[in-house]
Protein backbone atom coordinates (compact mmCIF):
# COMPACT_ATOMS: atom_id res chain seq x y z
CA MET A 1 15.80 -38.76 -14.62
CA THR A 2 12.17 -37.90 -15.24
CA HIS A 3 11.02 -34.28 -15.19
CA ARG A 4 7.52 -32.84 -14.98
CA ILE A 5 6.73 -30.12 -17.48
CA PRO A 6 5.11 -27.24 -15.56
CA CYS A 7 1.62 -26.22 -16.63
CA SER A 8 0.42 -22.90 -15.18
CA LEU A 9 -3.23 -23.57 -15.85
CA ALA A 10 -6.34 -22.69 -13.87
CA ALA A 11 -7.42 -25.39 -11.44
CA VAL A 12 -10.68 -27.32 -11.58
CA LEU A 13 -12.23 -26.98 -8.12
CA LEU A 14 -14.33 -29.86 -6.90
CA VAL A 15 -17.04 -27.77 -5.27
CA PRO A 16 -19.23 -30.77 -4.34
CA ALA A 17 -16.40 -32.05 -2.17
CA LEU A 18 -16.18 -28.75 -0.29
CA GLY A 19 -19.67 -27.36 -0.18
CA THR A 20 -19.66 -23.56 0.14
CA LEU A 21 -16.15 -22.23 0.69
CA GLY A 22 -15.76 -20.84 4.20
CA ALA A 23 -18.87 -22.61 5.53
CA PRO A 24 -18.60 -25.65 7.83
CA ILE A 25 -19.26 -28.96 6.14
CA ALA A 26 -21.94 -30.98 7.88
CA GLY A 27 -20.59 -34.20 9.34
CA ALA A 28 -17.01 -33.39 8.44
CA ALA A 29 -14.51 -35.26 10.60
CA PRO A 30 -11.71 -33.32 12.30
CA PRO A 31 -8.20 -33.78 10.85
CA SER A 32 -6.57 -37.04 11.91
CA ALA A 33 -4.47 -39.90 10.57
CA ASP A 34 -7.71 -41.64 9.62
CA HIS A 35 -8.81 -38.67 7.51
CA PRO A 36 -5.82 -37.58 5.41
CA PRO A 37 -5.98 -34.51 3.15
CA GLU A 38 -7.89 -34.99 -0.08
CA LEU A 39 -6.63 -33.71 -3.44
CA LEU A 40 -9.20 -31.31 -4.90
CA THR A 41 -7.54 -30.00 -8.08
CA ARG A 42 -7.65 -33.08 -10.27
CA ILE A 43 -6.42 -31.79 -13.61
CA THR A 44 -5.81 -34.13 -16.55
CA ASN A 45 -3.06 -32.95 -18.92
CA ALA A 46 -2.56 -35.79 -21.38
CA TYR A 47 -1.70 -37.00 -24.89
CA PRO A 48 1.35 -34.78 -25.47
CA ALA A 49 2.51 -34.36 -29.07
CA THR A 50 5.78 -32.64 -29.95
CA SER A 51 5.78 -30.30 -32.94
CA PRO A 52 8.06 -31.33 -35.86
CA ASP A 53 10.52 -28.54 -35.04
CA GLY A 54 10.55 -29.46 -31.34
CA THR A 55 9.57 -25.98 -30.11
CA ARG A 56 5.96 -26.67 -29.07
CA ILE A 57 3.92 -29.34 -27.34
CA ALA A 58 0.25 -29.89 -28.13
CA TYR A 59 -1.82 -31.73 -25.54
CA MET A 60 -5.35 -32.12 -24.17
CA SER A 61 -6.40 -30.71 -20.82
CA ASN A 62 -9.51 -30.15 -18.71
CA ALA A 63 -7.89 -27.24 -16.87
CA ASP A 64 -10.81 -24.97 -17.76
CA GLY A 65 -13.45 -27.59 -16.99
CA ASP A 66 -13.90 -29.16 -20.42
CA PHE A 67 -11.26 -31.06 -22.40
CA ASP A 68 -9.66 -28.84 -25.03
CA ILE A 69 -6.47 -28.74 -27.08
CA TYR A 70 -3.63 -26.57 -25.76
CA VAL A 71 -0.17 -25.72 -27.07
CA MET A 72 2.79 -25.12 -24.77
CA ASP A 73 6.10 -23.44 -25.50
CA PRO A 74 8.24 -25.14 -22.82
CA SER A 75 11.23 -22.84 -23.32
CA HIS A 76 9.18 -19.75 -22.37
CA GLY A 77 6.45 -21.33 -20.24
CA GLU A 78 3.75 -19.99 -22.53
CA ILE A 79 0.45 -21.89 -22.87
CA ARG A 80 -2.34 -21.19 -25.32
CA ARG A 81 -5.73 -22.87 -25.63
CA LEU A 82 -6.56 -23.72 -29.24
CA THR A 83 -10.10 -25.12 -28.95
CA ASP A 84 -13.10 -24.03 -26.94
CA ALA A 85 -16.03 -26.06 -28.25
CA PRO A 86 -18.64 -27.99 -26.27
CA GLY A 87 -17.65 -31.61 -25.89
CA ARG A 88 -14.31 -33.28 -25.42
CA ASP A 89 -11.39 -32.40 -27.73
CA GLY A 90 -8.30 -34.59 -27.51
CA THR A 91 -5.44 -36.66 -28.99
CA PRO A 92 -3.76 -33.88 -31.00
CA ALA A 93 -1.37 -34.85 -33.83
CA TRP A 94 0.88 -32.41 -35.72
CA SER A 95 1.11 -32.50 -39.49
CA PRO A 96 4.69 -33.12 -40.69
CA ASP A 97 5.10 -29.48 -41.75
CA GLY A 98 3.83 -28.24 -38.36
CA ARG A 99 1.12 -26.10 -39.95
CA ARG A 100 -1.93 -28.20 -38.94
CA ILE A 101 -3.16 -30.32 -36.05
CA ALA A 102 -5.51 -33.27 -36.36
CA PHE A 103 -7.58 -34.16 -33.31
CA GLN A 104 -10.72 -35.96 -32.19
CA SER A 105 -13.74 -34.13 -30.84
CA PHE A 106 -17.16 -34.88 -29.36
CA ARG A 107 -18.51 -31.44 -30.30
CA ASP A 108 -21.05 -33.05 -32.64
CA GLY A 109 -22.22 -35.65 -30.14
CA HIS A 110 -19.77 -38.48 -30.85
CA SER A 111 -16.06 -38.75 -31.51
CA GLN A 112 -15.00 -37.50 -34.95
CA ILE A 113 -11.74 -36.39 -36.60
CA TYR A 114 -11.05 -32.70 -37.23
CA VAL A 115 -8.11 -30.80 -38.68
CA MET A 116 -7.30 -27.19 -37.76
CA ASN A 117 -4.49 -24.76 -38.36
CA ALA A 118 -1.72 -24.85 -35.75
CA ASP A 119 -3.07 -21.62 -34.24
CA GLY A 120 -6.50 -23.21 -33.69
CA SER A 121 -8.24 -21.50 -36.60
CA ASP A 122 -10.40 -23.04 -39.34
CA PRO A 123 -11.31 -26.43 -37.83
CA VAL A 124 -12.59 -28.81 -40.51
CA HIS A 125 -14.75 -31.87 -39.80
CA LEU A 126 -13.51 -34.91 -41.76
CA ALA A 127 -15.62 -37.87 -42.91
CA ALA A 128 -18.60 -37.22 -40.65
CA GLY A 129 -20.92 -40.09 -39.69
CA PRO A 130 -22.71 -41.79 -36.78
CA TRP A 131 -19.64 -43.70 -35.63
CA LYS A 132 -16.51 -43.12 -33.55
CA ASP A 133 -13.36 -41.97 -35.37
CA GLU A 134 -10.40 -41.57 -33.00
CA HIS A 135 -6.63 -41.28 -32.52
CA PRO A 136 -5.52 -39.59 -35.77
CA THR A 137 -1.92 -39.63 -36.95
CA TRP A 138 -0.36 -38.28 -40.15
CA SER A 139 1.58 -39.93 -42.93
CA ALA A 140 5.13 -38.63 -43.39
CA ASP A 141 4.16 -36.65 -46.51
CA GLY A 142 1.11 -35.11 -44.80
CA GLY A 143 -1.20 -36.50 -47.46
CA ARG A 144 -3.14 -39.03 -45.41
CA ILE A 145 -4.44 -39.53 -41.88
CA LEU A 146 -4.45 -42.90 -40.12
CA PHE A 147 -7.06 -43.50 -37.40
CA ASP A 148 -9.26 -46.11 -35.75
CA SER A 149 -13.01 -46.27 -36.23
CA THR A 150 -16.15 -48.18 -35.33
CA ARG A 151 -17.71 -47.53 -38.76
CA PRO A 152 -19.35 -50.61 -40.31
CA GLU A 153 -18.10 -51.76 -43.69
CA ALA A 154 -21.46 -52.95 -44.94
CA GLU A 155 -25.11 -52.25 -44.17
CA GLY A 156 -26.23 -54.22 -41.13
CA GLU A 157 -22.68 -54.93 -39.98
CA THR A 158 -21.87 -54.15 -36.35
CA GLY A 159 -18.94 -51.78 -36.30
CA ASN A 160 -15.85 -53.25 -34.68
CA VAL A 161 -12.84 -50.98 -34.06
CA ASP A 162 -10.54 -51.22 -37.08
CA LEU A 163 -7.86 -49.11 -38.72
CA TYR A 164 -8.59 -46.76 -41.60
CA THR A 165 -6.82 -44.09 -43.60
CA MET A 166 -8.18 -41.10 -45.48
CA ARG A 167 -6.79 -38.13 -47.34
CA ALA A 168 -6.15 -35.05 -45.24
CA ASP A 169 -9.36 -33.53 -46.65
CA GLY A 170 -11.46 -36.53 -45.54
CA SER A 171 -11.80 -38.19 -48.95
CA GLY A 172 -10.32 -41.48 -50.17
CA LEU A 173 -11.33 -43.64 -47.21
CA ARG A 174 -9.56 -47.02 -46.99
CA ARG A 175 -10.12 -49.80 -44.48
CA LEU A 176 -6.89 -51.51 -43.41
CA THR A 177 -7.98 -54.13 -40.86
CA ALA A 178 -11.07 -56.31 -40.51
CA THR A 179 -10.27 -58.55 -37.56
CA PRO A 180 -12.57 -59.71 -34.74
CA GLU A 181 -10.27 -57.90 -32.29
CA VAL A 182 -10.06 -54.18 -31.51
CA GLU A 183 -7.20 -52.19 -33.11
CA THR A 184 -6.55 -48.70 -31.77
CA TYR A 185 -3.81 -46.10 -31.20
CA PRO A 186 -2.11 -46.54 -34.58
CA SER A 187 1.23 -44.98 -35.52
CA TRP A 188 2.81 -44.89 -38.98
CA SER A 189 6.49 -45.67 -39.46
CA PRO A 190 8.42 -42.65 -40.78
CA ASP A 191 8.90 -44.25 -44.19
CA GLY A 192 5.20 -45.14 -44.42
CA SER A 193 5.82 -48.84 -44.97
CA ARG A 194 4.47 -50.15 -41.63
CA ILE A 195 1.97 -49.42 -38.90
CA VAL A 196 2.08 -50.22 -35.21
CA CYS A 197 -1.08 -50.31 -33.08
CA ARG A 198 -2.66 -51.73 -29.95
CA ARG A 199 -4.73 -54.89 -30.46
CA VAL A 200 -7.16 -55.90 -27.70
CA LEU A 201 -7.19 -59.70 -27.57
CA SER A 202 -9.18 -59.84 -24.33
CA GLU A 203 -10.02 -57.55 -21.43
CA THR A 204 -6.66 -58.33 -19.81
CA ASP A 205 -4.53 -59.04 -22.88
CA TRP A 206 -3.56 -56.09 -25.08
CA ALA A 207 -0.77 -56.58 -27.60
CA ILE A 208 1.50 -54.30 -29.62
CA VAL A 209 1.12 -55.34 -33.26
CA VAL A 210 3.15 -54.31 -36.31
CA LEU A 211 1.50 -54.52 -39.75
CA GLU A 212 2.36 -53.66 -43.30
CA ALA A 213 0.95 -50.32 -44.43
CA ASP A 214 -1.94 -52.10 -46.16
CA GLY A 215 -2.93 -53.87 -42.92
CA THR A 216 -1.48 -57.30 -43.80
CA HIS A 217 1.26 -59.51 -42.31
CA ASP A 218 0.63 -58.61 -38.69
CA ARG A 219 2.95 -59.77 -35.91
CA VAL A 220 3.02 -59.20 -32.16
CA LEU A 221 5.95 -57.13 -30.91
CA ALA A 222 7.51 -57.88 -27.50
CA PRO A 223 4.69 -60.30 -26.52
CA ASP A 224 3.50 -60.41 -22.92
CA PRO A 225 0.23 -61.81 -21.49
CA GLY A 226 -0.91 -58.49 -20.08
CA VAL A 227 -1.76 -54.91 -20.94
CA ASP A 228 0.40 -53.16 -23.56
CA GLY A 229 -0.68 -50.06 -25.46
CA TRP A 230 -0.07 -46.54 -26.85
CA PRO A 231 2.75 -47.47 -29.27
CA VAL A 232 4.59 -44.86 -31.32
CA TRP A 233 7.46 -45.07 -33.82
CA SER A 234 10.71 -43.22 -33.21
CA PRO A 235 11.54 -40.47 -35.75
CA ASP A 236 14.25 -42.62 -37.38
CA GLY A 237 11.97 -45.68 -37.59
CA THR A 238 14.31 -47.98 -35.67
CA ARG A 239 12.42 -48.12 -32.35
CA ILE A 240 8.94 -48.16 -30.88
CA ALA A 241 7.94 -46.71 -27.52
CA PHE A 242 4.88 -48.10 -25.73
CA ALA A 243 3.27 -48.45 -22.32
CA SER A 244 3.06 -51.79 -20.52
CA GLU A 245 1.84 -53.18 -17.22
CA ARG A 246 4.17 -56.21 -17.42
CA ALA A 247 6.00 -55.04 -14.27
CA GLY A 248 2.86 -54.07 -12.34
CA SER A 249 2.04 -50.42 -12.92
CA SER A 250 1.95 -48.94 -16.41
CA ASP A 251 5.45 -47.86 -17.42
CA LEU A 252 7.15 -46.82 -20.64
CA TYR A 253 9.27 -49.23 -22.64
CA VAL A 254 11.27 -48.93 -25.84
CA VAL A 255 11.92 -51.83 -28.18
CA ASN A 256 13.70 -52.13 -31.51
CA ALA A 257 11.33 -52.31 -34.47
CA ASP A 258 12.29 -55.96 -34.99
CA GLY A 259 11.24 -56.86 -31.42
CA THR A 260 14.72 -57.06 -29.89
CA GLY A 261 16.33 -54.90 -27.23
CA LEU A 262 13.35 -54.33 -24.93
CA THR A 263 14.24 -51.58 -22.40
CA ARG A 264 12.17 -50.26 -19.51
CA VAL A 265 12.26 -46.44 -19.36
CA THR A 266 10.13 -45.36 -16.36
CA PHE A 267 9.89 -46.90 -12.88
CA ASP A 268 7.14 -45.24 -10.84
CA GLU A 269 5.13 -48.03 -9.17
CA SER A 270 2.57 -45.59 -7.74
CA ARG A 271 1.58 -43.99 -11.07
CA ASP A 272 0.65 -45.07 -14.60
CA ASP A 273 2.76 -43.75 -17.50
CA ARG A 274 1.16 -43.67 -20.96
CA GLN A 275 0.89 -41.86 -24.31
CA ALA A 276 4.54 -41.40 -25.25
CA SER A 277 5.66 -38.88 -27.85
CA TRP A 278 9.21 -38.70 -29.23
CA SER A 279 11.20 -35.51 -29.59
CA PRO A 280 12.18 -34.89 -33.23
CA ASP A 281 15.78 -35.98 -32.58
CA GLY A 282 14.66 -39.21 -30.83
CA ARG A 283 16.52 -38.36 -27.61
CA LEU A 284 13.53 -37.58 -25.38
CA LEU A 285 10.12 -39.07 -24.63
CA LEU A 286 7.18 -36.98 -23.45
CA PHE A 287 4.35 -38.81 -21.72
CA ALA A 288 1.38 -38.48 -19.38
CA ARG A 289 1.70 -39.77 -15.81
CA TYR A 290 -1.65 -40.69 -14.24
CA ARG A 291 -2.96 -41.19 -10.75
CA TRP A 292 -6.42 -42.61 -10.16
CA PHE A 293 -9.26 -41.94 -7.72
CA PRO A 294 -12.28 -44.10 -6.84
CA ASP A 295 -14.91 -41.37 -7.07
CA GLN A 296 -16.56 -39.57 -9.97
CA PRO A 297 -16.66 -37.35 -11.90
CA PHE A 298 -12.96 -36.47 -11.65
CA TYR A 299 -11.53 -39.96 -11.27
CA GLU A 300 -8.12 -39.23 -12.76
CA ALA A 301 -5.37 -36.66 -12.74
CA SER A 302 -2.28 -36.54 -14.91
CA GLU A 303 0.64 -34.33 -15.77
CA ILE A 304 3.04 -34.28 -18.70
CA TYR A 305 6.59 -35.46 -18.08
CA VAL A 306 9.75 -35.82 -20.13
CA VAL A 307 12.45 -38.48 -19.84
CA ARG A 308 15.56 -39.36 -21.82
CA ALA A 309 15.04 -42.21 -24.26
CA PRO A 310 17.48 -45.10 -24.22
CA ALA A 311 20.18 -44.95 -26.88
CA ALA A 312 19.44 -46.71 -30.15
CA GLY A 313 20.97 -50.11 -30.78
């Protein structure tokens, strides 16, 4: 059974859709079957990340109008906003000791990696430059951060999206991949020996790829000629959770790290499930469930859900 995690956050009101509250809207049609109610509070709560001790959930939300990082204590229903900077903050990742959170932010005009204390204090900008650094994740010892970036390797080179690592202070940059494809959403295996990521082969063909920690010996996991993405290793390193549209909508799947034992986990044909995060004991999966709208600027809404993961083996 899938459960939604409640988020008691302030709603974002789409004033342009209403005009002035209490005033008649010019040209508005009377209620009828041809004019069903329209959802106005389109909140995006996404990219959940469970703390190493399992007591807190970090996530990104636009509940206060701009995307920021929040932390939830699900046992007490307490929610705290950690960032409040101009620009979009997102994709939080806990350090293994639970004392720091890495995240990406547009506060300096383009996406860059930051690290802050778990209470939101002392944000530090890592490896600044005129490129996009995104989707940080920590090594098991907390010494390095894995991420994807558009930074060019040489002067005059057009920056593709490749995988990089750096020390947790932003030094010691290493490039891991240099393929003509796009590699994003990386995740380190718990023992640090392998990496899993999404590789974009074409607009309609995204693959889950496992590589050695140095970026070599890549292989496609659970191949399917469609859209797969957002992979993440289980805490014990035996399984990988990911999202896939192989059955129509985007649902969660779990597969053994060797590519066997593919299991579908969620089954909502009317929504898209993405961005899985394992509980520390590997028994639960948190994820964001999206619904989509044709109009801008609030074209999406999502909430954070939890579901039991299939048993290992």
